[in-house]
């Protein structure tokens, strides 16, 4: 049986309210812009969004790529793509038990 301590790396990344919600937008898009994430997430504060993106970049989950002098886009790294099955499982579990 795996020890609880072995899930710390995943919970460090996915353990807040917004991060899993933001990462789901990368499931069907190769790249996503800040304003797209803000629109899709709805009620996220821009500072919170910025902080989450910085954290994901520091963890090597996403990569930031400038498109113009004032715009950039974000894409999943290999490490980030490896999180997608976890997010899909979270979605399936939520769908199954949301009304329970």
PDB file of N, CA and C in Angstrom:
ATOM      1  N   UNK A   1       0.834  -1.180   0.000  1.00  0.00           N
ATOM      2  CA  UNK A   1       0.000   0.000   0.000  1.00  0.00           C
ATOM      3  C   UNK A   1       0.877   1.242   0.000  1.00  0.00           C
ATOM      4  N   UNK A   2       0.542   2.201  -0.851  1.00  0.00           N
ATOM      5  CA  UNK A   2       1.332   3.428  -0.916  1.00  0.00           C
ATOM      6  C   UNK A   2       1.047   4.292   0.294  1.00  0.00           C
ATOM      7  N   UNK A   3       2.069   4.989   0.722  1.00  0.00           N
ATOM      8  CA  UNK A   3       1.918   5.865   1.865  1.00  0.00           C
ATOM      9  C   UNK A   3       1.304   7.189   1.428  1.00  0.00           C
ATOM     10  N   UNK A   4       0.614   7.834   2.360  1.00  0.00           N
ATOM     11  CA  UNK A   4      -0.040   9.113   2.084  1.00  0.00           C
ATOM     12  C   UNK A   4       0.971  10.167   1.636  1.00  0.00           C
ATOM     13  N   UNK A   5       2.159  10.143   2.165  1.00  0.00           N
ATOM     14  CA  UNK A   5       3.181  11.122   1.823  1.00  0.00           C
ATOM     15  C   UNK A   5       3.536  11.140   0.349  1.00  0.00           C
ATOM     16  N   UNK A   6       3.246  10.070  -0.357  1.00  0.00           N
ATOM     17  CA  UNK A   6       3.592   9.970  -1.764  1.00  0.00           C
ATOM     18  C   UNK A   6       2.658  10.767  -2.673  1.00  0.00           C
ATOM     19  N   UNK A   7       1.573  11.295  -2.142  1.00  0.00           N
ATOM     20  CA  UNK A   7       0.678  12.118  -2.961  1.00  0.00           C
ATOM     21  C   UNK A   7       0.931  13.610  -2.761  1.00  0.00           C
ATOM     22  N   UNK A   8       1.931  13.937  -1.955  1.00  0.00           N
ATOM     23  CA  UNK A   8       2.206  15.346  -1.668  1.00  0.00           C
ATOM     24  C   UNK A   8       2.526  16.163  -2.911  1.00  0.00           C
ATOM     25  N   UNK A   9       3.264  15.613  -3.842  1.00  0.00           N
ATOM     26  CA  UNK A   9       3.625  16.376  -5.051  1.00  0.00           C
ATOM     27  C   UNK A   9       2.371  16.750  -5.837  1.00  0.00           C
ATOM     28  N   UNK A  10       1.439  15.827  -5.954  1.00  0.00           N
ATOM     29  CA  UNK A  10       0.199  16.111  -6.686  1.00  0.00           C
ATOM     30  C   UNK A  10      -0.663  17.115  -5.936  1.00  0.00           C
ATOM     31  N   UNK A  11      -0.779  16.969  -4.620  1.00  0.00           N
ATOM     32  CA  UNK A  11      -1.608  17.909  -3.871  1.00  0.00           C
ATOM     33  C   UNK A  11      -0.971  19.290  -3.793  1.00  0.00           C
ATOM     34  N   UNK A  12       0.342  19.367  -3.874  1.00  0.00           N
ATOM     35  CA  UNK A  12       1.000  20.683  -3.924  1.00  0.00           C
ATOM     36  C   UNK A  12       0.565  21.443  -5.171  1.00  0.00           C
ATOM     37  N   UNK A  13       0.320  20.729  -6.238  1.00  0.00           N
ATOM     38  CA  UNK A  13      -0.081  21.364  -7.486  1.00  0.00           C
ATOM     39  C   UNK A  13      -1.591  21.482  -7.592  1.00  0.00           C
ATOM     40  N   UNK A  14      -2.322  20.425  -7.306  1.00  0.00           N
ATOM     41  CA  UNK A  14      -3.768  20.383  -7.537  1.00  0.00           C
ATOM     42  C   UNK A  14      -4.609  20.707  -6.309  1.00  0.00           C
ATOM     43  N   UNK A  15      -3.977  20.987  -5.184  1.00  0.00           N
ATOM     44  CA  UNK A  15      -4.699  21.081  -3.927  1.00  0.00           C
ATOM     45  C   UNK A  15      -5.394  22.384  -3.599  1.00  0.00           C
ATOM     46  N   UNK A  16      -5.504  23.309  -4.524  1.00  0.00           N
ATOM     47  CA  UNK A  16      -6.260  24.520  -4.233  1.00  0.00           C
ATOM     48  C   UNK A  16      -7.532  24.552  -5.079  1.00  0.00           C
ATOM     49  N   UNK A  17      -8.373  25.515  -4.823  1.00  0.00           N
ATOM     50  CA  UNK A  17      -9.676  25.587  -5.483  1.00  0.00           C
ATOM     51  C   UNK A  17      -9.567  25.781  -6.995  1.00  0.00           C
ATOM     52  N   UNK A  18      -8.671  26.635  -7.439  1.00  0.00           N
ATOM     53  CA  UNK A  18      -8.678  27.068  -8.831  1.00  0.00           C
ATOM     54  C   UNK A  18      -7.853  26.223  -9.788  1.00  0.00           C
ATOM     55  N   UNK A  19      -6.775  25.643  -9.334  1.00  0.00           N
ATOM     56  CA  UNK A  19      -5.852  24.978 -10.254  1.00  0.00           C
ATOM     57  C   UNK A  19      -6.497  23.866 -11.084  1.00  0.00           C
ATOM     58  N   UNK A  20      -7.213  22.921 -10.480  1.00  0.00           N
ATOM     59  CA  UNK A  20      -7.857  21.904 -11.324  1.00  0.00           C
ATOM     60  C   UNK A  20      -8.869  22.513 -12.296  1.00  0.00           C
ATOM     61  N   UNK A  21      -9.584  23.546 -11.835  1.00  0.00           N
ATOM     62  CA  UNK A  21     -10.558  24.203 -12.704  1.00  0.00           C
ATOM     63  C   UNK A  21      -9.871  24.861 -13.897  1.00  0.00           C
ATOM     64  N   UNK A  22      -8.707  25.441 -13.674  1.00  0.00           N
ATOM     65  CA  UNK A  22      -7.969  26.086 -14.762  1.00  0.00           C
ATOM     66  C   UNK A  22      -7.362  25.056 -15.703  1.00  0.00           C
ATOM     67  N   UNK A  23      -6.787  24.006 -15.161  1.00  0.00           N
ATOM     68  CA  UNK A  23      -6.133  23.005 -15.998  1.00  0.00           C
ATOM     69  C   UNK A  23      -7.108  22.292 -16.920  1.00  0.00           C
ATOM     70  N   UNK A  24      -8.372  22.207 -16.529  1.00  0.00           N
ATOM     71  CA  UNK A  24      -9.344  21.522 -17.394  1.00  0.00           C
ATOM     72  C   UNK A  24      -9.496  22.217 -18.737  1.00  0.00           C
ATOM     73  N   UNK A  25      -9.215  23.524 -18.795  1.00  0.00           N
ATOM     74  CA  UNK A  25      -9.336  24.259 -20.056  1.00  0.00           C
ATOM     75  C   UNK A  25      -8.233  23.898 -21.043  1.00  0.00           C
ATOM     76  N   UNK A  26      -7.189  23.243 -20.556  1.00  0.00           N
ATOM     77  CA  UNK A  26      -6.104  22.788 -21.429  1.00  0.00           C
ATOM     78  C   UNK A  26      -6.396  21.408 -22.023  1.00  0.00           C
ATOM     79  N   UNK A  27      -7.468  20.781 -21.572  1.00  0.00           N
ATOM     80  CA  UNK A  27      -7.779  19.428 -22.040  1.00  0.00           C
ATOM     81  C   UNK A  27      -8.151  19.410 -23.518  1.00  0.00           C
ATOM     82  N   UNK A  28      -8.735  20.507 -24.007  1.00  0.00           N
ATOM     83  CA  UNK A  28      -9.212  20.542 -25.387  1.00  0.00           C
ATOM     84  C   UNK A  28      -8.577  21.657 -26.208  1.00  0.00           C
ATOM     85  N   UNK A  29      -7.553  22.288 -25.656  1.00  0.00           N
ATOM     86  CA  UNK A  29      -6.881  23.365 -26.381  1.00  0.00           C
ATOM     87  C   UNK A  29      -5.366  23.227 -26.208  1.00  0.00           C
ATOM     88  N   UNK A  30      -4.664  23.383 -27.289  1.00  0.00           N
ATOM     89  CA  UNK A  30      -3.199  23.296 -27.243  1.00  0.00           C
ATOM     90  C   UNK A  30      -2.606  24.471 -26.468  1.00  0.00           C
ATOM     91  N   UNK A  31      -3.159  25.663 -26.707  1.00  0.00           N
ATOM     92  CA  UNK A  31      -2.718  26.863 -26.002  1.00  0.00           C
ATOM     93  C   UNK A  31      -3.939  27.635 -25.514  1.00  0.00           C
ATOM     94  N   UNK A  32      -3.738  28.380 -24.422  1.00  0.00           N
ATOM     95  CA  UNK A  32      -4.803  29.190 -23.842  1.00  0.00           C
ATOM     96  C   UNK A  32      -4.186  30.519 -23.403  1.00  0.00           C
ATOM     97  N   UNK A  33      -4.899  31.603 -23.672  1.00  0.00           N
ATOM     98  CA  UNK A  33      -4.436  32.931 -23.262  1.00  0.00           C
ATOM     99  C   UNK A  33      -5.027  33.304 -21.893  1.00  0.00           C
ATOM    100  N   UNK A  34      -4.390  34.240 -21.233  1.00  0.00           N
ATOM    101  CA  UNK A  34      -4.822  34.696 -19.913  1.00  0.00           C
ATOM    102  C   UNK A  34      -6.286  35.118 -19.936  1.00  0.00           C
ATOM    103  N   UNK A  35      -6.649  35.955 -20.907  1.00  0.00           N
ATOM    104  CA  UNK A  35      -8.025  36.461 -20.972  1.00  0.00           C
ATOM    105  C   UNK A  35      -9.023  35.330 -21.228  1.00  0.00           C
ATOM    106  N   UNK A  36      -8.620  34.322 -21.985  1.00  0.00           N
ATOM    107  CA  UNK A  36      -9.490  33.164 -22.196  1.00  0.00           C
ATOM    108  C   UNK A  36      -9.726  32.433 -20.881  1.00  0.00           C
ATOM    109  N   UNK A  37      -8.656  32.210 -20.130  1.00  0.00           N
ATOM    110  CA  UNK A  37      -8.781  31.534 -18.845  1.00  0.00           C
ATOM    111  C   UNK A  37      -9.682  32.327 -17.901  1.00  0.00           C
ATOM    112  N   UNK A  38      -9.511  33.626 -17.902  1.00  0.00           N
ATOM    113  CA  UNK A  38     -10.318  34.469 -17.034  1.00  0.00           C
ATOM    114  C   UNK A  38     -11.800  34.381 -17.429  1.00  0.00           C
ATOM    115  N   UNK A  39     -12.077  34.426 -18.721  1.00  0.00           N
ATOM    116  CA  UNK A  39     -13.465  34.321 -19.196  1.00  0.00           C
ATOM    117  C   UNK A  39     -14.058  32.947 -18.902  1.00  0.00           C
ATOM    118  N   UNK A  40     -13.293  31.896 -19.152  1.00  0.00           N
ATOM    119  CA  UNK A  40     -13.789  30.539 -18.953  1.00  0.00           C
ATOM    120  C   UNK A  40     -14.004  30.209 -17.481  1.00  0.00           C
ATOM    121  N   UNK A  41     -13.111  30.700 -16.632  1.00  0.00           N
ATOM    122  CA  UNK A  41     -13.208  30.392 -15.204  1.00  0.00           C
ATOM    123  C   UNK A  41     -14.320  31.183 -14.529  1.00  0.00           C
ATOM    124  N   UNK A  42     -14.705  32.293 -15.126  1.00  0.00           N
ATOM    125  CA  UNK A  42     -15.812  33.062 -14.568  1.00  0.00           C
ATOM    126  C   UNK A  42     -15.400  34.044 -13.502  1.00  0.00           C
ATOM    127  N   UNK A  43     -15.570  33.669 -12.253  1.00  0.00           N
ATOM    128  CA  UNK A  43     -15.403  34.626 -11.159  1.00  0.00           C
ATOM    129  C   UNK A  43     -14.019  34.633 -10.511  1.00  0.00           C
ATOM    130  N   UNK A  44     -12.998  34.249 -11.233  1.00  0.00           N
ATOM    131  CA  UNK A  44     -11.645  34.274 -10.666  1.00  0.00           C
ATOM    132  C   UNK A  44     -11.083  35.695 -10.715  1.00  0.00           C
ATOM    133  N   UNK A  45     -10.485  36.097  -9.630  1.00  0.00           N
ATOM    134  CA  UNK A  45      -9.815  37.385  -9.548  1.00  0.00           C
ATOM    135  C   UNK A  45      -8.558  37.339 -10.415  1.00  0.00           C
ATOM    136  N   UNK A  46      -8.264  38.397 -11.181  1.00  0.00           N
ATOM    137  CA  UNK A  46      -7.062  38.390 -12.037  1.00  0.00           C
ATOM    138  C   UNK A  46      -5.770  38.127 -11.259  1.00  0.00           C
ATOM    139  N   UNK A  47      -5.673  38.631 -10.041  1.00  0.00           N
ATOM    140  CA  UNK A  47      -4.473  38.369  -9.231  1.00  0.00           C
ATOM    141  C   UNK A  47      -4.359  36.884  -8.878  1.00  0.00           C
ATOM    142  N   UNK A  48      -5.490  36.285  -8.554  1.00  0.00           N
ATOM    143  CA  UNK A  48      -5.496  34.854  -8.241  1.00  0.00           C
ATOM    144  C   UNK A  48      -5.112  34.044  -9.461  1.00  0.00           C
ATOM    145  N   UNK A  49      -5.678  34.394 -10.613  1.00  0.00           N
ATOM    146  CA  UNK A  49      -5.341  33.710 -11.857  1.00  0.00           C
ATOM    147  C   UNK A  49      -3.853  33.828 -12.144  1.00  0.00           C
ATOM    148  N   UNK A  50      -3.332  35.015 -12.031  1.00  0.00           N
ATOM    149  CA  UNK A  50      -1.908  35.240 -12.279  1.00  0.00           C
ATOM    150  C   UNK A  50      -1.047  34.407 -11.325  1.00  0.00           C
ATOM    151  N   UNK A  51      -1.425  34.390 -10.059  1.00  0.00           N
ATOM    152  CA  UNK A  51      -0.654  33.629  -9.064  1.00  0.00           C
ATOM    153  C   UNK A  51      -0.692  32.134  -9.376  1.00  0.00           C
ATOM    154  N   UNK A  52      -1.845  31.617  -9.789  1.00  0.00           N
ATOM    155  CA  UNK A  52      -1.945  30.197 -10.114  1.00  0.00           C
ATOM    156  C   UNK A  52      -1.110  29.856 -11.337  1.00  0.00           C
ATOM    157  N   UNK A  53      -1.131  30.724 -12.336  1.00  0.00           N
ATOM    158  CA  UNK A  53      -0.339  30.473 -13.536  1.00  0.00           C
ATOM    159  C   UNK A  53       1.150  30.495 -13.225  1.00  0.00           C
ATOM    160  N   UNK A  54       1.572  31.421 -12.392  1.00  0.00           N
ATOM    161  CA  UNK A  54       2.986  31.477 -11.983  1.00  0.00           C
ATOM    162  C   UNK A  54       3.364  30.196 -11.247  1.00  0.00           C
ATOM    163  N   UNK A  55       2.497  29.756 -10.341  1.00  0.00           N
ATOM    164  CA  UNK A  55       2.770  28.530  -9.581  1.00  0.00           C
ATOM    165  C   UNK A  55       2.872  27.319 -10.516  1.00  0.00           C
ATOM    166  N   UNK A  56       1.957  27.227 -11.471  1.00  0.00           N
ATOM    167  CA  UNK A  56       1.999  26.114 -12.417  1.00  0.00           C
ATOM    168  C   UNK A  56       3.250  26.159 -13.279  1.00  0.00           C
ATOM    169  N   UNK A  57       3.659  27.350 -13.643  1.00  0.00           N
ATOM    170  CA  UNK A  57       4.888  27.491 -14.427  1.00  0.00           C
ATOM    171  C   UNK A  57       6.105  27.098 -13.581  1.00  0.00           C
ATOM    172  N   UNK A  58       6.136  27.523 -12.329  1.00  0.00           N
ATOM    173  CA  UNK A  58       7.248  27.166 -11.441  1.00  0.00           C
ATOM    174  C   UNK A  58       7.337  25.660 -11.212  1.00  0.00           C
ATOM    175  N   UNK A  59       6.192  24.997 -11.185  1.00  0.00           N
ATOM    176  CA  UNK A  59       6.161  23.543 -11.007  1.00  0.00           C
ATOM    177  C   UNK A  59       6.430  22.798 -12.312  1.00  0.00           C
ATOM    178  N   UNK A  60       6.564  23.519 -13.408  1.00  0.00           N
ATOM    179  CA  UNK A  60       6.847  22.877 -14.687  1.00  0.00           C
ATOM    180  C   UNK A  60       5.642  22.228 -15.332  1.00  0.00           C
ATOM    181  N   UNK A  61       4.435  22.659 -14.942  1.00  0.00           N
ATOM    182  CA  UNK A  61       3.201  22.082 -15.477  1.00  0.00           C
ATOM    183  C   UNK A  61       2.773  22.798 -16.757  1.00  0.00           C
ATOM    184  N   UNK A  62       2.992  24.102 -16.816  1.00  0.00           N
ATOM    185  CA  UNK A  62       2.692  24.886 -18.007  1.00  0.00           C
ATOM    186  C   UNK A  62       3.918  25.674 -18.424  1.00  0.00           C
ATOM    187  N   UNK A  63       3.887  26.128 -19.656  1.00  0.00           N
ATOM    188  CA  UNK A  63       4.948  26.969 -20.187  1.00  0.00           C
ATOM    189  C   UNK A  63       4.286  28.221 -20.752  1.00  0.00           C
ATOM    190  N   UNK A  64       4.869  29.358 -20.451  1.00  0.00           N
ATOM    191  CA  UNK A  64       4.372  30.641 -20.934  1.00  0.00           C
ATOM    192  C   UNK A  64       5.153  31.028 -22.178  1.00  0.00           C
ATOM    193  N   UNK A  65       4.424  31.403 -23.239  1.00  0.00           N
ATOM    194  CA  UNK A  65       5.083  31.778 -24.491  1.00  0.00           C
ATOM    195  C   UNK A  65       4.533  33.130 -24.954  1.00  0.00           C
ATOM    196  N   UNK A  66       5.402  34.130 -25.067  1.00  0.00           N
ATOM    197  CA  UNK A  66       4.947  35.431 -25.569  1.00  0.00           C
ATOM    198  C   UNK A  66       4.509  35.323 -27.030  1.00  0.00           C
ATOM    199  N   UNK A  67       3.397  35.990 -27.362  1.00  0.00           N
ATOM    200  CA  UNK A  67       2.930  36.022 -28.747  1.00  0.00           C
ATOM    201  C   UNK A  67       3.143  37.401 -29.360  1.00  0.00           C
ATOM    202  N   UNK A  68       3.049  38.428 -28.529  1.00  0.00           N
ATOM    203  CA  UNK A  68       3.369  39.804 -28.911  1.00  0.00           C
ATOM    204  C   UNK A  68       4.051  40.444 -27.714  1.00  0.00           C
ATOM    205  N   UNK A  69       4.336  41.727 -27.825  1.00  0.00           N
ATOM    206  CA  UNK A  69       4.996  42.418 -26.724  1.00  0.00           C
ATOM    207  C   UNK A  69       4.131  42.439 -25.460  1.00  0.00           C
ATOM    208  N   UNK A  70       2.820  42.447 -25.616  1.00  0.00           N
ATOM    209  CA  UNK A  70       1.946  42.556 -24.451  1.00  0.00           C
ATOM    210  C   UNK A  70       1.057  41.333 -24.222  1.00  0.00           C
ATOM    211  N   UNK A  71       1.168  40.320 -25.056  1.00  0.00           N
ATOM    212  CA  UNK A  71       0.321  39.131 -24.919  1.00  0.00           C
ATOM    213  C   UNK A  71       1.157  37.868 -24.862  1.00  0.00           C
ATOM    214  N   UNK A  72       0.588  36.889 -24.208  1.00  0.00           N
ATOM    215  CA  UNK A  72       1.242  35.585 -24.152  1.00  0.00           C
ATOM    216  C   UNK A  72       0.182  34.501 -24.114  1.00  0.00           C
ATOM    217  N   UNK A  73       0.633  33.290 -24.312  1.00  0.00           N
ATOM    218  CA  UNK A  73      -0.248  32.143 -24.217  1.00  0.00           C
ATOM    219  C   UNK A  73       0.442  31.088 -23.374  1.00  0.00           C
ATOM    220  N   UNK A  74      -0.358  30.181 -22.873  1.00  0.00           N
ATOM    221  CA  UNK A  74       0.137  29.128 -21.997  1.00  0.00           C
ATOM    222  C   UNK A  74      -0.164  27.780 -22.623  1.00  0.00           C
ATOM    223  N   UNK A  75       0.736  26.852 -22.416  1.00  0.00           N
ATOM    224  CA  UNK A  75       0.548  25.498 -22.923  1.00  0.00           C
ATOM    225  C   UNK A  75       1.047  24.505 -21.880  1.00  0.00           C
ATOM    226  N   UNK A  76       0.490  23.327 -21.919  1.00  0.00           N
ATOM    227  CA  UNK A  76       0.932  22.279 -21.006  1.00  0.00           C
ATOM    228  C   UNK A  76       2.291  21.745 -21.428  1.00  0.00           C
ATOM    229  N   UNK A  77       3.092  21.430 -20.452  1.00  0.00           N
ATOM    230  CA  UNK A  77       4.348  20.718 -20.687  1.00  0.00           C
ATOM    231  C   UNK A  77       4.039  19.223 -20.652  1.00  0.00           C
ATOM    232  N   UNK A  78       5.029  18.408 -20.836  1.00  0.00           N
ATOM    233  CA  UNK A  78       4.865  16.953 -20.711  1.00  0.00           C
ATOM    234  C   UNK A  78       4.335  16.623 -19.309  1.00  0.00           C
ATOM    235  N   UNK A  79       4.913  17.268 -18.322  1.00  0.00           N
ATOM    236  CA  UNK A  79       4.485  17.061 -16.938  1.00  0.00           C
ATOM    237  C   UNK A  79       3.007  17.444 -16.777  1.00  0.00           C
ATOM    238  N   UNK A  80       2.600  18.533 -17.387  1.00  0.00           N
ATOM    239  CA  UNK A  80       1.209  18.963 -17.327  1.00  0.00           C
ATOM    240  C   UNK A  80       0.276  18.008 -18.040  1.00  0.00           C
ATOM    241  N   UNK A  81       0.697  17.519 -19.201  1.00  0.00           N
ATOM    242  CA  UNK A  81      -0.124  16.561 -19.947  1.00  0.00           C
ATOM    243  C   UNK A  81      -0.312  15.270 -19.161  1.00  0.00           C
ATOM    244  N   UNK A  82       0.676  14.911 -18.361  1.00  0.00           N
ATOM    245  CA  UNK A  82       0.555  13.713 -17.534  1.00  0.00           C
ATOM    246  C   UNK A  82      -0.470  13.879 -16.408  1.00  0.00           C
ATOM    247  N   UNK A  83      -0.881  15.120 -16.119  1.00  0.00           N
ATOM    248  CA  UNK A  83      -1.931  15.368 -15.124  1.00  0.00           C
ATOM    249  C   UNK A  83      -3.336  15.183 -15.700  1.00  0.00           C
ATOM    250  N   UNK A  84      -3.474  15.198 -17.008  1.00  0.00           N
ATOM    251  CA  UNK A  84      -4.797  15.140 -17.628  1.00  0.00           C
ATOM    252  C   UNK A  84      -5.612  13.905 -17.225  1.00  0.00           C
ATOM    253  N   UNK A  85      -5.018  12.705 -17.168  1.00  0.00           N
ATOM    254  CA  UNK A  85      -5.820  11.559 -16.717  1.00  0.00           C
ATOM    255  C   UNK A  85      -6.352  11.741 -15.290  1.00  0.00           C
ATOM    256  N   UNK A  86      -5.593  12.401 -14.445  1.00  0.00           N
ATOM    257  CA  UNK A  86      -6.050  12.665 -13.074  1.00  0.00           C
ATOM    258  C   UNK A  86      -7.261  13.597 -13.109  1.00  0.00           C
ATOM    259  N   UNK A  87      -7.177  14.646 -13.924  1.00  0.00           N
ATOM    260  CA  UNK A  87      -8.288  15.579 -14.047  1.00  0.00           C
ATOM    261  C   UNK A  87      -9.518  14.905 -14.636  1.00  0.00           C
ATOM    262  N   UNK A  88      -9.308  14.032 -15.606  1.00  0.00           N
ATOM    263  CA  UNK A  88     -10.430  13.291 -16.186  1.00  0.00           C
ATOM    264  C   UNK A  88     -11.082  12.393 -15.140  1.00  0.00           C
ATOM    265  N   UNK A  89     -10.282  11.757 -14.301  1.00  0.00           N
ATOM    266  CA  UNK A  89     -10.822  10.926 -13.226  1.00  0.00           C
ATOM    267  C   UNK A  89     -11.582  11.783 -12.211  1.00  0.00           C
ATOM    268  N   UNK A  90     -11.070  12.956 -11.901  1.00  0.00           N
ATOM    269  CA  UNK A  90     -11.766  13.862 -10.994  1.00  0.00           C
ATOM    270  C   UNK A  90     -13.110  14.277 -11.595  1.00  0.00           C
ATOM    271  N   UNK A  91     -13.131  14.536 -12.887  1.00  0.00           N
ATOM    272  CA  UNK A  91     -14.370  14.899 -13.575  1.00  0.00           C
ATOM    273  C   UNK A  91     -15.370  13.745 -13.496  1.00  0.00           C
ATOM    274  N   UNK A  92     -14.918  12.540 -13.805  1.00  0.00           N
ATOM    275  CA  UNK A  92     -15.796  11.373 -13.777  1.00  0.00           C
ATOM    276  C   UNK A  92     -16.356  11.142 -12.378  1.00  0.00           C
ATOM    277  N   UNK A  93     -15.520  11.250 -11.361  1.00  0.00           N
ATOM    278  CA  UNK A  93     -15.955  11.057  -9.990  1.00  0.00           C
ATOM    279  C   UNK A  93     -16.978  12.128  -9.610  1.00  0.00           C
ATOM    280  N   UNK A  94     -16.700  13.375  -9.974  1.00  0.00           N
ATOM    281  CA  UNK A  94     -17.625  14.477  -9.661  1.00  0.00           C
ATOM    282  C   UNK A  94     -18.969  14.275 -10.336  1.00  0.00           C
ATOM    283  N   UNK A  95     -18.941  13.841 -11.597  1.00  0.00           N
ATOM    284  CA  UNK A  95     -20.178  13.596 -12.320  1.00  0.00           C
ATOM    285  C   UNK A  95     -20.983  12.479 -11.667  1.00  0.00           C
ATOM    286  N   UNK A  96     -20.312  11.447 -11.247  1.00  0.00           N
ATOM    287  CA  UNK A  96     -20.976  10.298 -10.642  1.00  0.00           C
ATOM    288  C   UNK A  96     -21.579  10.633  -9.278  1.00  0.00           C
ATOM    289  N   UNK A  97     -20.867  11.436  -8.474  1.00  0.00           N
ATOM    290  CA  UNK A  97     -21.288  11.655  -7.093  1.00  0.00           C
ATOM    291  C   UNK A  97     -21.750  13.078  -6.771  1.00  0.00           C
ATOM    292  N   UNK A  98     -21.833  13.944  -7.770  1.00  0.00           N
ATOM    293  CA  UNK A  98     -22.200  15.344  -7.507  1.00  0.00           C
ATOM    294  C   UNK A  98     -23.554  15.475  -6.838  1.00  0.00           C
ATOM    295  N   UNK A  99     -24.498  14.639  -7.186  1.00  0.00           N
ATOM    296  CA  UNK A  99     -25.829  14.752  -6.602  1.00  0.00           C
ATOM    297  C   UNK A  99     -26.031  13.853  -5.387  1.00  0.00           C
ATOM    298  N   UNK A 100     -24.997  13.094  -5.036  1.00  0.00           N
ATOM    299  CA  UNK A 100     -25.138  12.146  -3.910  1.00  0.00           C
ATOM    300  C   UNK A 100     -25.064  12.851  -2.571  1.00  0.00           C
TER     301      UNK A 100
END
